[in-house]
Each structure stands twice: as C-alpha cells, then as structure tokens.
Amino acid sequence: MAPIPRPPAEPQDSPDTYVGLAREAAERLARERGWSTVRSLPPGTVITMEYRVGRLNFEVRDGRVTRAWKG
C-alpha cells in the first residue's frame, strides 16, 4: 500500500500579525516567513472556501491589511 501523502507544514506565525501592515510589506513578510501562496483581496470579494495548506489571505482596504486568515 502506498504511503498517505502529508501536506507541507505551514509557517507557525499568526495571521493577526499582518493586520495593519501595508499590503506590499505584508506580502513580502509572509513570503519571507514561508507562505507558499499569498493573496490580497478587496473587501467583499467572493471566494471559494476550500482550504489550501500554505496559503495566506489578506483583505486589503486603502492599501492596508484589515483582515488575514489561513487557507
């Protein structure tokens, strides 16, 4: 039987640490900390709810991160 695949580990930092940062700085920091996918979205953007290991999402208003979450 083939081994069960294991997803890559996510960085161990809190999404809350990005709230209040400028979008560019938050994206750069997230990539430096090991997030494989970083996406910035305007408030109210319709997105799917599937969870992606290694993805960090930012809601950005007026160039600043107002909300951040994994997946």
Protein backbone atom coordinates (compact mmCIF):
# COMPACT_ATOMS: atom_id res chain seq x y z
CA MET A 1 0.00 0.00 0.00
CA ALA A 2 1.28 3.46 -0.88
CA PRO A 3 2.04 5.85 1.98
CA ILE A 4 -0.51 8.53 2.77
CA PRO A 5 0.74 11.87 1.42
CA ARG A 6 1.47 14.51 4.03
CA PRO A 7 0.83 18.16 3.23
CA PRO A 8 3.77 20.53 3.69
CA ALA A 9 3.99 22.29 7.02
CA GLU A 10 2.60 25.81 7.31
CA PRO A 11 4.61 28.64 8.82
CA GLN A 12 3.98 28.95 12.54
CA ASP A 13 3.05 32.61 12.73
CA SER A 14 -0.33 34.16 13.44
CA PRO A 15 -2.27 35.84 10.62
CA ASP A 16 -3.15 38.58 13.12
CA THR A 17 0.45 39.86 12.96
CA TYR A 18 -0.19 41.15 9.41
CA VAL A 19 -3.25 43.27 10.23
CA GLY A 20 -2.42 46.97 9.93
CA LEU A 21 0.60 46.49 7.65
CA ALA A 22 0.80 47.98 4.17
CA ARG A 23 -0.17 45.39 1.55
CA GLU A 24 3.29 45.25 -0.04
CA ALA A 25 5.06 44.86 3.31
CA ALA A 26 2.62 42.18 4.47
CA GLU A 27 3.01 40.18 1.24
CA ARG A 28 6.82 40.39 1.40
CA LEU A 29 6.92 39.37 5.08
CA ALA A 30 4.53 36.46 4.50
CA ARG A 31 6.72 35.08 1.70
CA GLU A 32 9.86 35.55 3.80
CA ARG A 33 8.20 33.53 6.57
CA GLY A 34 7.47 30.67 4.19
CA TRP A 35 3.89 31.08 2.96
CA SER A 36 3.80 29.49 -0.50
CA THR A 37 0.74 31.45 -1.67
CA VAL A 38 -0.21 34.94 -0.58
CA ARG A 39 -3.29 36.62 -1.97
CA SER A 40 -4.62 40.11 -1.36
CA LEU A 41 -8.30 40.74 -1.88
CA PRO A 42 -10.53 43.81 -1.72
CA PRO A 43 -13.30 43.76 0.91
CA GLY A 44 -16.33 41.72 -0.09
CA THR A 45 -14.57 39.67 -2.76
CA VAL A 46 -16.39 36.41 -3.46
CA ILE A 47 -14.00 33.48 -2.99
CA THR A 48 -14.30 29.72 -2.67
CA MET A 49 -13.99 28.25 0.80
CA GLU A 50 -11.61 25.36 0.12
CA TYR A 51 -8.66 25.21 2.46
CA ARG A 52 -5.21 25.33 0.86
CA VAL A 53 -2.24 24.44 3.04
CA GLY A 54 0.39 27.17 2.84
CA ARG A 55 -1.94 29.93 1.62
CA LEU A 56 -2.37 33.20 3.48
CA ASN A 57 -5.20 35.55 2.53
CA PHE A 58 -5.33 39.29 3.14
CA GLU A 59 -8.33 41.58 2.94
CA VAL A 60 -6.96 44.97 1.92
CA ARG A 61 -8.66 48.36 2.24
CA ASP A 62 -6.90 51.61 1.27
CA GLY A 63 -3.57 49.78 0.89
CA ARG A 64 -3.62 48.25 4.41
CA VAL A 65 -4.37 44.73 5.58
CA THR A 66 -7.61 44.79 7.58
CA ARG A 67 -8.04 41.02 7.95
CA ALA A 68 -5.82 37.98 7.46
CA TRP A 69 -6.57 34.25 7.51
CA LYS A 70 -5.05 30.92 6.56
CA GLY A 71 -6.22 28.74 3.73
